[in-house]
């Protein structure tokens, strides 16, 4: 959560976390985003990504739960990290 707070402070954003369902809501620059954790939605979470980079923008994180720590990115698929 420290990484999320640092980003919100730097970008003058507002963030709220709903502890009932772990949804994270972000409001910044007249935009509104809601993030839903995969494990709460009953979706399968891959043990790891394939060797190839995903299409579009992506982030890199530890293989174990990170809670915002050791996250790098976002990166674009057309640029190496």
C-alpha atoms as a PDB file:
ATOM      1  CA  UNK A   1       0.000   0.000   0.000  1.00  0.00           C
ATOM      2  CA  UNK A   2       2.986   2.308   0.398  1.00  0.00           C
ATOM      3  CA  UNK A   3       3.522   2.264  -3.371  1.00  0.00           C
ATOM      4  CA  UNK A   4      -0.142   3.091  -3.985  1.00  0.00           C
ATOM      5  CA  UNK A   5      -0.020   5.968  -1.489  1.00  0.00           C
ATOM      6  CA  UNK A   6       3.183   7.349  -3.021  1.00  0.00           C
ATOM      7  CA  UNK A   7       1.583   7.276  -6.481  1.00  0.00           C
ATOM      8  CA  UNK A   8      -1.624   8.932  -5.298  1.00  0.00           C
ATOM      9  CA  UNK A   9       0.321  11.686  -3.513  1.00  0.00           C
ATOM     10  CA  UNK A  10       2.459  12.326  -6.599  1.00  0.00           C
ATOM     11  CA  UNK A  11      -0.544  12.411  -8.949  1.00  0.00           C
ATOM     12  CA  UNK A  12      -3.081  14.186  -6.734  1.00  0.00           C
ATOM     13  CA  UNK A  13      -5.355  11.138  -6.923  1.00  0.00           C
ATOM     14  CA  UNK A  14      -7.972   9.769  -4.539  1.00  0.00           C
ATOM     15  CA  UNK A  15      -7.990   6.087  -3.643  1.00  0.00           C
ATOM     16  CA  UNK A  16     -10.344   4.020  -1.529  1.00  0.00           C
ATOM     17  CA  UNK A  17     -10.228   0.353  -0.598  1.00  0.00           C
ATOM     18  CA  UNK A  18     -13.473  -1.476   0.115  1.00  0.00           C
ATOM     19  CA  UNK A  19     -12.591  -3.994   2.831  1.00  0.00           C
ATOM     20  CA  UNK A  20     -15.740  -6.013   2.211  1.00  0.00           C
ATOM     21  CA  UNK A  21     -14.658  -7.135  -1.270  1.00  0.00           C
ATOM     22  CA  UNK A  22     -11.079  -5.757  -1.594  1.00  0.00           C
ATOM     23  CA  UNK A  23     -11.985  -3.527  -4.551  1.00  0.00           C
ATOM     24  CA  UNK A  24      -9.627  -0.604  -5.045  1.00  0.00           C
ATOM     25  CA  UNK A  25     -11.153   2.538  -6.503  1.00  0.00           C
ATOM     26  CA  UNK A  26      -8.879   5.202  -8.048  1.00  0.00           C
ATOM     27  CA  UNK A  27      -9.971   8.687  -9.120  1.00  0.00           C
ATOM     28  CA  UNK A  28      -7.497  10.906 -10.921  1.00  0.00           C
ATOM     29  CA  UNK A  29      -7.705  13.635 -13.578  1.00  0.00           C
ATOM     30  CA  UNK A  30     -11.442  13.192 -14.187  1.00  0.00           C
ATOM     31  CA  UNK A  31     -11.013   9.426 -14.607  1.00  0.00           C
ATOM     32  CA  UNK A  32     -12.373   6.636 -12.462  1.00  0.00           C
ATOM     33  CA  UNK A  33     -10.938   3.116 -12.229  1.00  0.00           C
ATOM     34  CA  UNK A  34     -12.046   0.158 -10.129  1.00  0.00           C
ATOM     35  CA  UNK A  35      -9.702  -2.778  -9.603  1.00  0.00           C
ATOM     36  CA  UNK A  36     -11.115  -6.170  -8.612  1.00  0.00           C
ATOM     37  CA  UNK A  37      -8.787  -8.773  -7.090  1.00  0.00           C
ATOM     38  CA  UNK A  38      -8.835 -11.972  -9.091  1.00  0.00           C
ATOM     39  CA  UNK A  39      -8.878 -14.269  -6.068  1.00  0.00           C
ATOM     40  CA  UNK A  40     -12.039 -12.602  -4.704  1.00  0.00           C
ATOM     41  CA  UNK A  41     -13.832 -12.958  -8.012  1.00  0.00           C
ATOM     42  CA  UNK A  42     -13.260 -16.717  -8.049  1.00  0.00           C
ATOM     43  CA  UNK A  43     -10.945 -16.466 -11.050  1.00  0.00           C
ATOM     44  CA  UNK A  44      -7.904 -18.663 -11.304  1.00  0.00           C
ATOM     45  CA  UNK A  45      -4.632 -16.859 -10.792  1.00  0.00           C
ATOM     46  CA  UNK A  46      -1.697 -18.182 -12.835  1.00  0.00           C
ATOM     47  CA  UNK A  47       1.289 -19.463 -10.897  1.00  0.00           C
ATOM     48  CA  UNK A  48       3.470 -17.416 -13.238  1.00  0.00           C
ATOM     49  CA  UNK A  49       3.338 -15.727 -16.605  1.00  0.00           C
ATOM     50  CA  UNK A  50       4.633 -17.354 -19.768  1.00  0.00           C
ATOM     51  CA  UNK A  51       8.160 -16.478 -20.851  1.00  0.00           C
ATOM     52  CA  UNK A  52       6.928 -14.060 -23.527  1.00  0.00           C
ATOM     53  CA  UNK A  53       5.833 -10.579 -22.441  1.00  0.00           C
ATOM     54  CA  UNK A  54       2.077  -9.961 -22.456  1.00  0.00           C
ATOM     55  CA  UNK A  55       0.523  -7.738 -25.098  1.00  0.00           C
ATOM     56  CA  UNK A  56      -0.130  -4.115 -24.138  1.00  0.00           C
ATOM     57  CA  UNK A  57       1.048  -2.519 -20.923  1.00  0.00           C
ATOM     58  CA  UNK A  58       2.101  -4.713 -17.998  1.00  0.00           C
ATOM     59  CA  UNK A  59       3.811  -4.612 -14.605  1.00  0.00           C
ATOM     60  CA  UNK A  60       6.405  -6.908 -13.045  1.00  0.00           C
ATOM     61  CA  UNK A  61       6.089  -8.164  -9.486  1.00  0.00           C
ATOM     62  CA  UNK A  62       7.439 -10.832  -7.172  1.00  0.00           C
ATOM     63  CA  UNK A  63       6.109 -14.345  -7.563  1.00  0.00           C
ATOM     64  CA  UNK A  64       4.741 -14.274  -4.006  1.00  0.00           C
ATOM     65  CA  UNK A  65       2.220 -11.731  -2.744  1.00  0.00           C
ATOM     66  CA  UNK A  66       3.697  -8.257  -2.867  1.00  0.00           C
ATOM     67  CA  UNK A  67       1.073  -5.865  -1.404  1.00  0.00           C
ATOM     68  CA  UNK A  68       2.549  -3.108  -3.551  1.00  0.00           C
ATOM     69  CA  UNK A  69       6.184  -3.869  -2.793  1.00  0.00           C
ATOM     70  CA  UNK A  70       8.778  -4.682  -5.428  1.00  0.00           C
ATOM     71  CA  UNK A  71       6.494  -3.768  -8.329  1.00  0.00           C
ATOM     72  CA  UNK A  72       8.072  -2.277 -11.450  1.00  0.00           C
ATOM     73  CA  UNK A  73       6.420  -0.736 -14.476  1.00  0.00           C
ATOM     74  CA  UNK A  74       4.127  -0.244 -16.193  1.00  0.00           C
ATOM     75  CA  UNK A  75       5.980  -1.291 -19.327  1.00  0.00           C
ATOM     76  CA  UNK A  76       4.799  -1.314 -22.899  1.00  0.00           C
ATOM     77  CA  UNK A  77       5.009  -4.571 -24.818  1.00  0.00           C
ATOM     78  CA  UNK A  78       6.965  -2.886 -27.618  1.00  0.00           C
ATOM     79  CA  UNK A  79       9.711  -1.708 -25.220  1.00  0.00           C
ATOM     80  CA  UNK A  80      11.955  -4.027 -23.204  1.00  0.00           C
ATOM     81  CA  UNK A  81      12.086  -3.533 -19.454  1.00  0.00           C
END
